Amino acid sequence: MIVIVMLFIGLLCVSCKERSDSSKNTEGDLIKKINAVQEQIMAQGNVSAKEEQALLSLCSIVSQNDGMAIYTSDGSIILKDVEIAPVYNGCEDLSEKETRECFKEKVAEFVKGEFNSDLLKDLGLSEPKEVESFFIITENGNLTGIKVRDTELNIQAEILRVLRKLPVMKPAIDDGKNVSVLCSMVVRYKDNIEIDFVYIPERPN
């Protein structure tokens, strides 16, 4: 079984490298390779429900244009440094400080509300864990550049899934013009999740 898992990881790494090195490789090609590895694993025996979920999570991670492999730093202003934070629906007509705090509260509330807590029960963690996550709100108020640092595969995929659902916002403003802003947060999880918006002193690679 260890050999099969190593084969799976190896093929996935090659696939991801091929995807980043060549524009000819499509998302569909990568999914097909993951499915091919899944078939090889199944040929050796039954795939458990958790293994099946892990494979589906991998597909979720690599099947969007905002996943880990393609994050690029675009010079976005860090959230803590921008004059006026992005305006989440319901945070209008507030002071600059209140707008920033409202943005953090609304995003945290959204992530916690959308997150599938059944995944946490399946992990059965004895101690809380945490993972750093990043996303960019563009000068048009759209979401891009999502990255979730290494953690349990299912949790990583779930955070990506939830963040992708964030609504379009009124963009951040700096020096009188709309700007792109980089947001970073820590997701702590065990029996439930907690969200802390913090300045992480390095941009994701």
N, C-alpha and C. Protein backbone atom coordinates (compact mmCIF):
# COMPACT_ATOMS: atom_id res chain seq x y z
N MET A 1 0.83 -1.21 0.00
CA MET A 1 0.00 0.00 0.00
C MET A 1 0.86 1.26 0.00
N ILE A 2 1.99 1.24 0.74
CA ILE A 2 2.90 2.38 0.78
C ILE A 2 3.44 2.68 -0.60
N VAL A 3 3.78 1.60 -1.34
CA VAL A 3 4.30 1.77 -2.70
C VAL A 3 3.26 2.45 -3.58
N ILE A 4 2.01 2.06 -3.43
CA ILE A 4 0.93 2.64 -4.23
C ILE A 4 0.77 4.12 -3.92
N VAL A 5 0.80 4.45 -2.62
CA VAL A 5 0.67 5.85 -2.23
C VAL A 5 1.82 6.67 -2.77
N MET A 6 3.06 6.12 -2.71
CA MET A 6 4.22 6.84 -3.23
C MET A 6 4.09 7.04 -4.73
N LEU A 7 3.57 6.02 -5.42
CA LEU A 7 3.34 6.15 -6.87
C LEU A 7 2.35 7.27 -7.13
N PHE A 8 1.30 7.33 -6.32
CA PHE A 8 0.28 8.36 -6.47
C PHE A 8 0.88 9.75 -6.28
N ILE A 9 1.65 9.92 -5.20
CA ILE A 9 2.26 11.22 -4.92
C ILE A 9 3.23 11.62 -6.02
N GLY A 10 4.01 10.64 -6.47
CA GLY A 10 4.98 10.92 -7.52
C GLY A 10 4.31 11.37 -8.80
N LEU A 11 3.27 10.67 -9.20
CA LEU A 11 2.57 11.03 -10.42
C LEU A 11 1.89 12.38 -10.29
N LEU A 12 1.34 12.65 -9.11
CA LEU A 12 0.69 13.93 -8.90
C LEU A 12 1.70 15.07 -9.00
N CYS A 13 2.89 14.88 -8.38
CA CYS A 13 3.91 15.92 -8.43
C CYS A 13 4.36 16.18 -9.85
N VAL A 14 4.56 15.11 -10.61
CA VAL A 14 4.93 15.27 -12.00
C VAL A 14 3.84 16.00 -12.76
N SER A 15 2.59 15.61 -12.50
CA SER A 15 1.47 16.24 -13.19
C SER A 15 1.42 17.73 -12.88
N CYS A 16 1.60 18.09 -11.60
CA CYS A 16 1.53 19.50 -11.23
C CYS A 16 2.66 20.28 -11.85
N LYS A 17 3.84 19.65 -11.91
CA LYS A 17 4.98 20.33 -12.52
C LYS A 17 4.72 20.54 -14.00
N GLU A 18 4.17 19.52 -14.65
CA GLU A 18 3.87 19.65 -16.07
C GLU A 18 2.85 20.76 -16.29
N ARG A 19 1.91 20.88 -15.36
CA ARG A 19 0.87 21.90 -15.51
C ARG A 19 1.47 23.29 -15.42
N SER A 20 2.44 23.48 -14.52
CA SER A 20 3.02 24.80 -14.37
C SER A 20 4.04 25.11 -15.44
N ASP A 21 4.66 24.06 -16.02
CA ASP A 21 5.70 24.28 -17.02
C ASP A 21 5.17 24.42 -18.43
N SER A 22 3.97 23.95 -18.69
CA SER A 22 3.47 23.95 -20.06
C SER A 22 2.02 24.39 -20.12
N SER A 23 1.76 25.40 -20.90
CA SER A 23 0.39 25.89 -21.02
C SER A 23 -0.47 24.94 -21.84
N LYS A 24 0.16 23.95 -22.48
CA LYS A 24 -0.60 23.01 -23.30
C LYS A 24 -1.36 22.01 -22.44
N ASN A 25 -0.85 21.78 -21.24
CA ASN A 25 -1.54 20.85 -20.35
C ASN A 25 -2.78 21.53 -19.79
N THR A 26 -3.89 20.88 -19.84
CA THR A 26 -5.14 21.47 -19.35
C THR A 26 -5.52 20.88 -18.01
N GLU A 27 -6.47 21.57 -17.37
CA GLU A 27 -7.00 21.09 -16.11
C GLU A 27 -7.56 19.68 -16.26
N GLY A 28 -8.25 19.43 -17.39
CA GLY A 28 -8.84 18.12 -17.63
C GLY A 28 -7.80 17.02 -17.69
N ASP A 29 -6.63 17.31 -18.26
CA ASP A 29 -5.56 16.33 -18.34
C ASP A 29 -5.10 15.91 -16.95
N LEU A 30 -4.97 16.90 -16.05
CA LEU A 30 -4.51 16.61 -14.69
C LEU A 30 -5.53 15.78 -13.93
N ILE A 31 -6.80 16.12 -14.09
CA ILE A 31 -7.86 15.35 -13.43
C ILE A 31 -7.86 13.91 -13.94
N LYS A 32 -7.64 13.73 -15.24
CA LYS A 32 -7.60 12.38 -15.81
C LYS A 32 -6.46 11.57 -15.21
N LYS A 33 -5.32 12.23 -14.97
CA LYS A 33 -4.18 11.52 -14.38
C LYS A 33 -4.48 11.11 -12.95
N ILE A 34 -5.14 12.01 -12.21
CA ILE A 34 -5.53 11.65 -10.84
C ILE A 34 -6.50 10.48 -10.86
N ASN A 35 -7.46 10.53 -11.79
CA ASN A 35 -8.42 9.43 -11.90
C ASN A 35 -7.73 8.12 -12.28
N ALA A 36 -6.69 8.21 -13.12
CA ALA A 36 -5.96 7.01 -13.52
C ALA A 36 -5.26 6.38 -12.32
N VAL A 37 -4.67 7.23 -11.47
CA VAL A 37 -4.02 6.72 -10.26
C VAL A 37 -5.06 6.10 -9.34
N GLN A 38 -6.22 6.74 -9.25
CA GLN A 38 -7.29 6.19 -8.42
C GLN A 38 -7.67 4.79 -8.89
N GLU A 39 -7.75 4.60 -10.19
CA GLU A 39 -8.08 3.28 -10.74
C GLU A 39 -7.01 2.26 -10.38
N GLN A 40 -5.74 2.68 -10.41
CA GLN A 40 -4.64 1.78 -10.05
C GLN A 40 -4.75 1.35 -8.58
N ILE A 41 -5.09 2.33 -7.73
CA ILE A 41 -5.25 2.01 -6.30
C ILE A 41 -6.41 1.05 -6.10
N MET A 42 -7.51 1.31 -6.78
CA MET A 42 -8.69 0.47 -6.62
C MET A 42 -8.43 -0.94 -7.13
N ALA A 43 -7.55 -1.07 -8.12
CA ALA A 43 -7.22 -2.40 -8.64
C ALA A 43 -6.50 -3.24 -7.60
N GLN A 44 -5.86 -2.58 -6.63
CA GLN A 44 -5.14 -3.30 -5.58
C GLN A 44 -6.04 -3.66 -4.40
N GLY A 45 -7.23 -3.11 -4.39
CA GLY A 45 -8.14 -3.37 -3.28
C GLY A 45 -9.14 -2.25 -3.15
N ASN A 46 -10.04 -2.37 -2.21
CA ASN A 46 -11.08 -1.37 -2.04
C ASN A 46 -10.51 -0.06 -1.50
N VAL A 47 -11.04 1.05 -2.01
CA VAL A 47 -10.68 2.36 -1.52
C VAL A 47 -11.67 2.74 -0.42
N SER A 48 -11.15 3.13 0.74
CA SER A 48 -12.03 3.50 1.83
C SER A 48 -12.71 4.84 1.52
N ALA A 49 -13.73 5.14 2.31
CA ALA A 49 -14.45 6.40 2.12
C ALA A 49 -13.53 7.60 2.31
N LYS A 50 -12.61 7.50 3.28
CA LYS A 50 -11.68 8.60 3.54
C LYS A 50 -10.70 8.76 2.39
N GLU A 51 -10.24 7.63 1.83
CA GLU A 51 -9.33 7.70 0.69
C GLU A 51 -10.03 8.30 -0.53
N GLU A 52 -11.27 7.92 -0.71
CA GLU A 52 -12.06 8.47 -1.82
C GLU A 52 -12.23 9.98 -1.65
N GLN A 53 -12.51 10.42 -0.42
CA GLN A 53 -12.67 11.85 -0.16
C GLN A 53 -11.37 12.59 -0.40
N ALA A 54 -10.25 11.97 -0.04
CA ALA A 54 -8.95 12.60 -0.26
C ALA A 54 -8.69 12.81 -1.74
N LEU A 55 -9.04 11.82 -2.55
CA LEU A 55 -8.86 11.95 -4.00
C LEU A 55 -9.75 13.04 -4.56
N LEU A 56 -10.98 13.11 -4.08
CA LEU A 56 -11.89 14.16 -4.53
C LEU A 56 -11.37 15.53 -4.11
N SER A 57 -10.78 15.59 -2.93
CA SER A 57 -10.22 16.85 -2.45
C SER A 57 -9.07 17.31 -3.33
N LEU A 58 -8.24 16.36 -3.74
CA LEU A 58 -7.15 16.70 -4.65
C LEU A 58 -7.69 17.30 -5.93
N CYS A 59 -8.74 16.70 -6.46
CA CYS A 59 -9.35 17.23 -7.68
C CYS A 59 -9.84 18.65 -7.45
N SER A 60 -10.42 18.89 -6.26
CA SER A 60 -10.91 20.23 -5.95
C SER A 60 -9.77 21.23 -5.91
N ILE A 61 -8.64 20.82 -5.35
CA ILE A 61 -7.52 21.74 -5.20
C ILE A 61 -6.93 22.12 -6.55
N VAL A 62 -6.80 21.15 -7.44
CA VAL A 62 -6.11 21.41 -8.71
C VAL A 62 -7.05 21.83 -9.82
N SER A 63 -8.36 21.82 -9.59
CA SER A 63 -9.29 22.05 -10.68
C SER A 63 -9.79 23.48 -10.78
N GLN A 64 -9.15 24.41 -10.07
CA GLN A 64 -9.53 25.81 -10.15
C GLN A 64 -8.30 26.65 -10.48
N ASN A 65 -8.52 27.81 -11.04
CA ASN A 65 -7.42 28.69 -11.40
C ASN A 65 -6.97 29.56 -10.24
N ASP A 66 -7.23 29.14 -9.01
CA ASP A 66 -6.82 29.93 -7.86
C ASP A 66 -6.14 29.06 -6.81
N GLY A 67 -5.70 27.88 -7.20
CA GLY A 67 -5.14 26.95 -6.24
C GLY A 67 -3.70 27.23 -5.88
N MET A 68 -3.09 26.33 -5.11
CA MET A 68 -1.77 26.56 -4.57
C MET A 68 -0.70 26.72 -5.63
N ALA A 69 -0.79 25.93 -6.70
CA ALA A 69 0.33 25.86 -7.64
C ALA A 69 0.54 27.14 -8.43
N ILE A 70 -0.49 27.97 -8.56
CA ILE A 70 -0.35 29.11 -9.45
C ILE A 70 -0.42 30.45 -8.74
N TYR A 71 -0.31 30.46 -7.42
CA TYR A 71 -0.34 31.73 -6.72
C TYR A 71 0.85 32.57 -7.15
N THR A 72 0.62 33.82 -7.47
CA THR A 72 1.71 34.74 -7.77
C THR A 72 1.49 36.03 -7.00
N SER A 73 2.57 36.58 -6.48
CA SER A 73 2.48 37.85 -5.77
C SER A 73 2.35 38.96 -6.80
N ASP A 74 1.29 39.75 -6.70
CA ASP A 74 1.03 40.77 -7.71
C ASP A 74 1.23 42.19 -7.21
N GLY A 75 1.92 42.33 -6.08
CA GLY A 75 2.14 43.66 -5.55
C GLY A 75 0.95 44.23 -4.81
N SER A 76 -0.01 43.39 -4.46
CA SER A 76 -1.18 43.86 -3.71
C SER A 76 -0.75 44.46 -2.38
N ILE A 77 -1.49 45.46 -1.95
CA ILE A 77 -1.24 46.07 -0.65
C ILE A 77 -1.75 45.12 0.44
N ILE A 78 -0.97 44.95 1.49
CA ILE A 78 -1.39 44.08 2.60
C ILE A 78 -2.55 44.73 3.33
N LEU A 79 -3.52 43.95 3.74
CA LEU A 79 -4.75 44.44 4.34
C LEU A 79 -4.49 45.45 5.46
N LYS A 80 -3.52 45.18 6.30
CA LYS A 80 -3.28 46.06 7.45
C LYS A 80 -2.76 47.43 7.02
N ASP A 81 -2.22 47.52 5.80
CA ASP A 81 -1.60 48.76 5.36
C ASP A 81 -2.49 49.61 4.45
N VAL A 82 -3.60 49.05 3.97
CA VAL A 82 -4.45 49.79 3.04
C VAL A 82 -5.29 50.81 3.82
N GLU A 83 -5.57 51.95 3.18
CA GLU A 83 -6.31 53.01 3.88
C GLU A 83 -7.74 52.58 4.21
N ILE A 84 -8.46 52.11 3.21
CA ILE A 84 -9.85 51.67 3.42
C ILE A 84 -9.97 50.23 2.95
N ALA A 85 -10.35 49.34 3.85
CA ALA A 85 -10.46 47.91 3.54
C ALA A 85 -11.60 47.66 2.55
N PRO A 86 -11.59 46.48 1.90
CA PRO A 86 -12.74 46.12 1.06
C PRO A 86 -14.03 46.20 1.88
N VAL A 87 -15.11 46.58 1.23
CA VAL A 87 -16.39 46.75 1.93
C VAL A 87 -17.27 45.54 1.66
N TYR A 88 -17.45 44.73 2.68
CA TYR A 88 -18.35 43.57 2.61
C TYR A 88 -19.79 44.08 2.72
N ASN A 89 -20.70 43.36 2.08
CA ASN A 89 -22.12 43.74 2.14
C ASN A 89 -22.58 43.81 3.59
N GLY A 90 -23.11 44.97 3.96
CA GLY A 90 -23.54 45.19 5.34
C GLY A 90 -22.57 46.02 6.13
N CYS A 91 -21.42 46.36 5.52
CA CYS A 91 -20.39 47.14 6.21
C CYS A 91 -20.28 48.56 5.64
N GLU A 92 -21.30 49.02 4.95
CA GLU A 92 -21.28 50.33 4.34
C GLU A 92 -21.45 51.44 5.39
N ASP A 93 -21.00 52.64 5.01
CA ASP A 93 -21.21 53.86 5.81
C ASP A 93 -20.62 53.76 7.21
N LEU A 94 -19.47 53.12 7.32
CA LEU A 94 -18.76 53.02 8.59
C LEU A 94 -17.45 53.80 8.51
N SER A 95 -16.84 54.05 9.66
CA SER A 95 -15.52 54.69 9.66
C SER A 95 -14.49 53.72 9.08
N GLU A 96 -13.30 54.22 8.78
CA GLU A 96 -12.26 53.36 8.21
C GLU A 96 -11.94 52.19 9.14
N LYS A 97 -11.81 52.47 10.43
CA LYS A 97 -11.51 51.41 11.40
C LYS A 97 -12.66 50.42 11.48
N GLU A 98 -13.88 50.93 11.52
CA GLU A 98 -15.05 50.05 11.62
C GLU A 98 -15.22 49.21 10.36
N THR A 99 -14.91 49.80 9.19
CA THR A 99 -15.02 49.06 7.93
C THR A 99 -14.06 47.88 7.92
N ARG A 100 -12.84 48.11 8.41
CA ARG A 100 -11.84 47.04 8.46
C ARG A 100 -12.28 45.92 9.39
N GLU A 101 -12.76 46.29 10.57
CA GLU A 101 -13.19 45.28 11.53
C GLU A 101 -14.43 44.55 11.04
N CYS A 102 -15.33 45.27 10.39
CA CYS A 102 -16.54 44.65 9.85
C CYS A 102 -16.19 43.65 8.75
N PHE A 103 -15.24 44.01 7.90
CA PHE A 103 -14.77 43.11 6.85
C PHE A 103 -14.26 41.81 7.46
N LYS A 104 -13.40 41.91 8.46
CA LYS A 104 -12.84 40.72 9.10
C LYS A 104 -13.93 39.86 9.72
N GLU A 105 -14.86 40.51 10.43
CA GLU A 105 -15.93 39.78 11.10
C GLU A 105 -16.84 39.07 10.11
N LYS A 106 -17.19 39.77 9.01
CA LYS A 106 -18.11 39.20 8.03
C LYS A 106 -17.47 38.01 7.29
N VAL A 107 -16.19 38.14 6.92
CA VAL A 107 -15.52 37.04 6.23
C VAL A 107 -15.38 35.84 7.17
N ALA A 108 -14.98 36.09 8.42
CA ALA A 108 -14.85 35.00 9.39
C ALA A 108 -16.19 34.31 9.60
N GLU A 109 -17.25 35.10 9.72
CA GLU A 109 -18.59 34.55 9.91
C GLU A 109 -19.01 33.71 8.70
N PHE A 110 -18.68 34.19 7.50
CA PHE A 110 -19.03 33.47 6.28
C PHE A 110 -18.30 32.12 6.22
N VAL A 111 -16.99 32.15 6.48
CA VAL A 111 -16.19 30.92 6.40
C VAL A 111 -16.69 29.90 7.42
N LYS A 112 -16.94 30.34 8.64
CA LYS A 112 -17.41 29.43 9.68
C LYS A 112 -18.78 28.86 9.35
N GLY A 113 -19.64 29.69 8.76
CA GLY A 113 -20.98 29.24 8.42
C GLY A 113 -21.03 28.26 7.26
N GLU A 114 -20.11 28.41 6.31
CA GLU A 114 -20.11 27.56 5.12
C GLU A 114 -19.27 26.29 5.29
N PHE A 115 -18.39 26.29 6.27
CA PHE A 115 -17.46 25.17 6.44
C PHE A 115 -18.20 23.90 6.86
N ASN A 116 -17.87 22.79 6.22
CA ASN A 116 -18.48 21.49 6.53
C ASN A 116 -17.81 20.90 7.77
N SER A 117 -18.46 21.06 8.92
CA SER A 117 -17.86 20.62 10.19
C SER A 117 -17.76 19.11 10.31
N ASP A 118 -18.47 18.36 9.47
CA ASP A 118 -18.37 16.90 9.51
C ASP A 118 -16.94 16.43 9.20
N LEU A 119 -16.22 17.23 8.42
CA LEU A 119 -14.83 16.87 8.10
C LEU A 119 -13.97 16.87 9.36
N LEU A 120 -14.28 17.75 10.30
CA LEU A 120 -13.51 17.83 11.54
C LEU A 120 -13.76 16.59 12.40
N LYS A 121 -14.99 16.12 12.42
CA LYS A 121 -15.30 14.92 13.20
C LYS A 121 -14.53 13.72 12.66
N ASP A 122 -14.41 13.65 11.34
CA ASP A 122 -13.70 12.53 10.73
C ASP A 122 -12.21 12.52 11.11
N LEU A 123 -11.64 13.71 11.35
CA LEU A 123 -10.22 13.77 11.70
C LEU A 123 -9.95 13.23 13.10
N GLY A 124 -10.87 13.49 14.02
CA GLY A 124 -10.70 13.02 15.40
C GLY A 124 -9.44 13.55 16.05
N LEU A 125 -9.17 14.83 15.91
CA LEU A 125 -7.93 15.42 16.44
C LEU A 125 -7.97 15.49 17.97
N SER A 126 -6.85 15.21 18.59
CA SER A 126 -6.76 15.33 20.04
C SER A 126 -6.30 16.73 20.45
N GLU A 127 -5.61 17.42 19.54
CA GLU A 127 -5.15 18.78 19.78
C GLU A 127 -5.54 19.66 18.59
N PRO A 128 -5.81 20.93 18.85
CA PRO A 128 -6.14 21.84 17.74
C PRO A 128 -4.96 21.98 16.78
N LYS A 129 -5.27 22.22 15.53
CA LYS A 129 -4.26 22.50 14.52
C LYS A 129 -4.62 23.81 13.85
N GLU A 130 -3.68 24.39 13.12
CA GLU A 130 -3.97 25.63 12.42
C GLU A 130 -3.25 25.66 11.08
N VAL A 131 -3.79 26.46 10.17
CA VAL A 131 -3.20 26.59 8.85
C VAL A 131 -3.37 28.03 8.39
N GLU A 132 -2.36 28.54 7.68
CA GLU A 132 -2.41 29.90 7.15
C GLU A 132 -3.07 29.89 5.77
N SER A 133 -3.92 30.86 5.54
CA SER A 133 -4.62 30.98 4.26
C SER A 133 -4.49 32.41 3.76
N PHE A 134 -4.50 32.56 2.44
CA PHE A 134 -4.35 33.87 1.82
C PHE A 134 -5.36 34.01 0.69
N PHE A 135 -5.78 35.24 0.44
CA PHE A 135 -6.56 35.52 -0.75
C PHE A 135 -6.44 37.00 -1.08
N ILE A 136 -6.73 37.33 -2.33
CA ILE A 136 -6.63 38.71 -2.80
C ILE A 136 -8.01 39.20 -3.22
N ILE A 137 -8.35 40.40 -2.77
CA ILE A 137 -9.52 41.11 -3.28
C ILE A 137 -8.99 42.11 -4.30
N THR A 138 -9.35 41.96 -5.55
CA THR A 138 -8.79 42.80 -6.61
C THR A 138 -9.38 44.21 -6.58
N GLU A 139 -8.83 45.07 -7.44
CA GLU A 139 -9.31 46.44 -7.54
C GLU A 139 -10.73 46.51 -8.10
N ASN A 140 -11.24 45.37 -8.58
CA ASN A 140 -12.63 45.29 -9.02
C ASN A 140 -13.54 44.63 -7.98
N GLY A 141 -12.96 44.23 -6.84
CA GLY A 141 -13.73 43.60 -5.78
C GLY A 141 -13.90 42.11 -5.91
N ASN A 142 -13.20 41.52 -6.90
CA ASN A 142 -13.28 40.07 -7.10
C ASN A 142 -12.22 39.34 -6.29
N LEU A 143 -12.43 38.05 -6.10
CA LEU A 143 -11.51 37.22 -5.34
C LEU A 143 -10.56 36.49 -6.28
N THR A 144 -9.27 36.45 -5.92
CA THR A 144 -8.30 35.70 -6.71
C THR A 144 -7.14 35.31 -5.79
N GLY A 145 -6.14 34.64 -6.36
CA GLY A 145 -4.90 34.33 -5.63
C GLY A 145 -5.09 33.57 -4.34
N ILE A 146 -6.06 32.66 -4.27
CA ILE A 146 -6.28 31.91 -3.03
C ILE A 146 -5.15 30.90 -2.81
N LYS A 147 -4.66 30.84 -1.59
CA LYS A 147 -3.66 29.84 -1.23
C LYS A 147 -3.91 29.37 0.19
N VAL A 148 -3.86 28.06 0.38
CA VAL A 148 -3.96 27.46 1.71
C VAL A 148 -2.71 26.64 1.91
N ARG A 149 -1.94 26.96 2.91
CA ARG A 149 -0.69 26.23 3.12
C ARG A 149 -0.96 24.79 3.55
N ASP A 150 0.07 23.97 3.46
CA ASP A 150 -0.08 22.53 3.64
C ASP A 150 -0.78 22.18 4.94
N THR A 151 -1.78 21.33 4.82
CA THR A 151 -2.51 20.81 5.96
C THR A 151 -3.22 19.54 5.50
N GLU A 152 -4.11 18.99 6.34
CA GLU A 152 -4.87 17.83 5.91
C GLU A 152 -5.57 18.14 4.59
N LEU A 153 -5.50 17.18 3.69
CA LEU A 153 -5.99 17.39 2.33
C LEU A 153 -7.44 17.84 2.30
N ASN A 154 -8.29 17.19 3.09
CA ASN A 154 -9.71 17.52 3.09
C ASN A 154 -9.96 18.93 3.62
N ILE A 155 -9.19 19.32 4.64
CA ILE A 155 -9.34 20.65 5.22
C ILE A 155 -8.88 21.71 4.22
N GLN A 156 -7.76 21.45 3.58
CA GLN A 156 -7.24 22.37 2.58
C GLN A 156 -8.27 22.60 1.47
N ALA A 157 -8.81 21.51 0.95
CA ALA A 157 -9.80 21.61 -0.12
C ALA A 157 -11.06 22.32 0.34
N GLU A 158 -11.47 22.08 1.59
CA GLU A 158 -12.69 22.70 2.10
C GLU A 158 -12.51 24.21 2.27
N ILE A 159 -11.36 24.63 2.77
CA ILE A 159 -11.11 26.07 2.91
C ILE A 159 -11.12 26.73 1.55
N LEU A 160 -10.48 26.10 0.57
CA LEU A 160 -10.49 26.63 -0.80
C LEU A 160 -11.91 26.74 -1.33
N ARG A 161 -12.70 25.69 -1.10
CA ARG A 161 -14.08 25.67 -1.61
C ARG A 161 -14.88 26.83 -1.01
N VAL A 162 -14.73 27.02 0.30
CA VAL A 162 -15.50 28.07 0.97
C VAL A 162 -15.05 29.46 0.53
N LEU A 163 -13.74 29.67 0.46
CA LEU A 163 -13.25 30.99 0.06
C LEU A 163 -13.70 31.36 -1.36
N ARG A 164 -13.77 30.35 -2.23
CA ARG A 164 -14.22 30.61 -3.60
C ARG A 164 -15.65 31.15 -3.66
N LYS A 165 -16.41 30.93 -2.60
CA LYS A 165 -17.81 31.36 -2.57
C LYS A 165 -17.98 32.78 -2.02
N LEU A 166 -16.90 33.39 -1.54
CA LEU A 166 -17.02 34.74 -1.00
C LEU A 166 -17.63 35.67 -2.05
N PRO A 167 -18.51 36.56 -1.64
CA PRO A 167 -19.17 37.45 -2.60
C PRO A 167 -18.24 38.56 -3.11
N VAL A 168 -18.59 39.12 -4.24
CA VAL A 168 -17.88 40.30 -4.75
C VAL A 168 -18.10 41.45 -3.77
N MET A 169 -17.05 42.22 -3.53
CA MET A 169 -17.13 43.32 -2.57
C MET A 169 -16.77 44.64 -3.24
N LYS A 170 -17.06 45.71 -2.55
CA LYS A 170 -16.55 47.01 -2.97
C LYS A 170 -15.06 47.02 -2.67
N PRO A 171 -14.22 47.32 -3.66
CA PRO A 171 -12.77 47.15 -3.48
C PRO A 171 -12.16 48.11 -2.46
N ALA A 172 -10.97 47.75 -2.01
CA ALA A 172 -10.22 48.59 -1.09
C ALA A 172 -9.78 49.87 -1.80
N ILE A 173 -9.54 50.90 -1.02
CA ILE A 173 -9.11 52.20 -1.56
C ILE A 173 -7.83 52.64 -0.87
N ASP A 174 -6.88 53.11 -1.66
CA ASP A 174 -5.65 53.64 -1.11
C ASP A 174 -5.22 54.82 -1.98
N ASP A 175 -4.91 55.92 -1.34
CA ASP A 175 -4.50 57.13 -2.05
C ASP A 175 -5.57 57.56 -3.07
N GLY A 176 -6.83 57.35 -2.72
CA GLY A 176 -7.93 57.81 -3.55
C GLY A 176 -8.30 56.94 -4.73
N LYS A 177 -7.68 55.75 -4.86
CA LYS A 177 -8.02 54.88 -5.99
C LYS A 177 -8.23 53.44 -5.54
N ASN A 178 -8.98 52.69 -6.33
CA ASN A 178 -9.21 51.28 -6.03
C ASN A 178 -7.91 50.50 -6.15
N VAL A 179 -7.67 49.62 -5.19
CA VAL A 179 -6.43 48.84 -5.20
C VAL A 179 -6.72 47.38 -4.88
N SER A 180 -5.76 46.54 -5.24
CA SER A 180 -5.81 45.12 -4.91
C SER A 180 -5.20 44.93 -3.52
N VAL A 181 -5.85 44.10 -2.70
CA VAL A 181 -5.39 43.93 -1.32
C VAL A 181 -5.21 42.45 -0.99
N LEU A 182 -4.10 42.14 -0.33
CA LEU A 182 -3.79 40.77 0.10
C LEU A 182 -4.23 40.57 1.53
N CYS A 183 -5.07 39.56 1.73
CA CYS A 183 -5.59 39.24 3.07
C CYS A 183 -4.99 37.92 3.54
N SER A 184 -4.63 37.85 4.79
CA SER A 184 -4.10 36.61 5.34
C SER A 184 -4.84 36.29 6.63
N MET A 185 -5.12 35.01 6.82
CA MET A 185 -5.84 34.61 8.02
C MET A 185 -5.36 33.23 8.47
N VAL A 186 -5.56 32.99 9.74
CA VAL A 186 -5.23 31.69 10.33
C VAL A 186 -6.52 30.96 10.64
N VAL A 187 -6.62 29.73 10.15
CA VAL A 187 -7.78 28.89 10.46
C VAL A 187 -7.35 27.85 11.49
N ARG A 188 -7.95 27.91 12.65
CA ARG A 188 -7.69 26.92 13.70
C ARG A 188 -8.84 25.94 13.73
N TYR A 189 -8.51 24.65 13.84
CA TYR A 189 -9.58 23.66 13.78
C TYR A 189 -9.30 22.47 14.68
N LYS A 190 -10.36 21.95 15.23
CA LYS A 190 -10.37 20.70 16.00
C LYS A 190 -11.80 20.16 15.94
N ASP A 191 -12.64 20.54 16.93
CA ASP A 191 -14.05 20.16 16.89
C ASP A 191 -14.87 21.19 16.10
N ASN A 192 -14.34 22.40 15.99
CA ASN A 192 -14.93 23.46 15.18
C ASN A 192 -13.79 24.32 14.65
N ILE A 193 -14.12 25.38 13.94
CA ILE A 193 -13.06 26.23 13.40
C ILE A 193 -13.17 27.64 13.96
N GLU A 194 -12.03 28.29 14.07
CA GLU A 194 -11.95 29.68 14.47
C GLU A 194 -11.09 30.40 13.44
N ILE A 195 -11.45 31.64 13.14
CA ILE A 195 -10.74 32.42 12.13
C ILE A 195 -10.11 33.63 12.78
N ASP A 196 -8.81 33.83 12.57
CA ASP A 196 -8.13 35.03 13.02
C ASP A 196 -7.51 35.72 11.81
N PHE A 197 -7.89 36.98 11.59
CA PHE A 197 -7.24 37.78 10.56
C PHE A 197 -6.00 38.39 11.19
N VAL A 198 -4.86 37.98 10.69
CA VAL A 198 -3.60 38.46 11.24
C VAL A 198 -2.67 38.83 10.08
N TYR A 199 -1.69 39.67 10.40
CA TYR A 199 -0.67 39.96 9.40
C TYR A 199 0.36 38.86 9.46
N ILE A 200 0.46 38.07 8.42
CA ILE A 200 1.49 37.04 8.34
C ILE A 200 2.69 37.66 7.63
N PRO A 201 3.82 37.78 8.29
CA PRO A 201 4.94 38.61 7.80
C PRO A 201 5.72 38.02 6.64
N GLU A 202 5.04 37.35 5.74
CA GLU A 202 5.66 36.89 4.50
C GLU A 202 4.54 36.55 3.53
N ARG A 203 4.77 36.86 2.28
CA ARG A 203 3.78 36.52 1.26
C ARG A 203 3.93 35.04 0.92
N PRO A 204 2.84 34.40 0.52
CA PRO A 204 2.92 32.98 0.18
C PRO A 204 3.78 32.76 -1.07
N ASN A 205 4.51 31.65 -1.06
CA ASN A 205 5.35 31.32 -2.23
C ASN A 205 4.54 30.54 -3.24
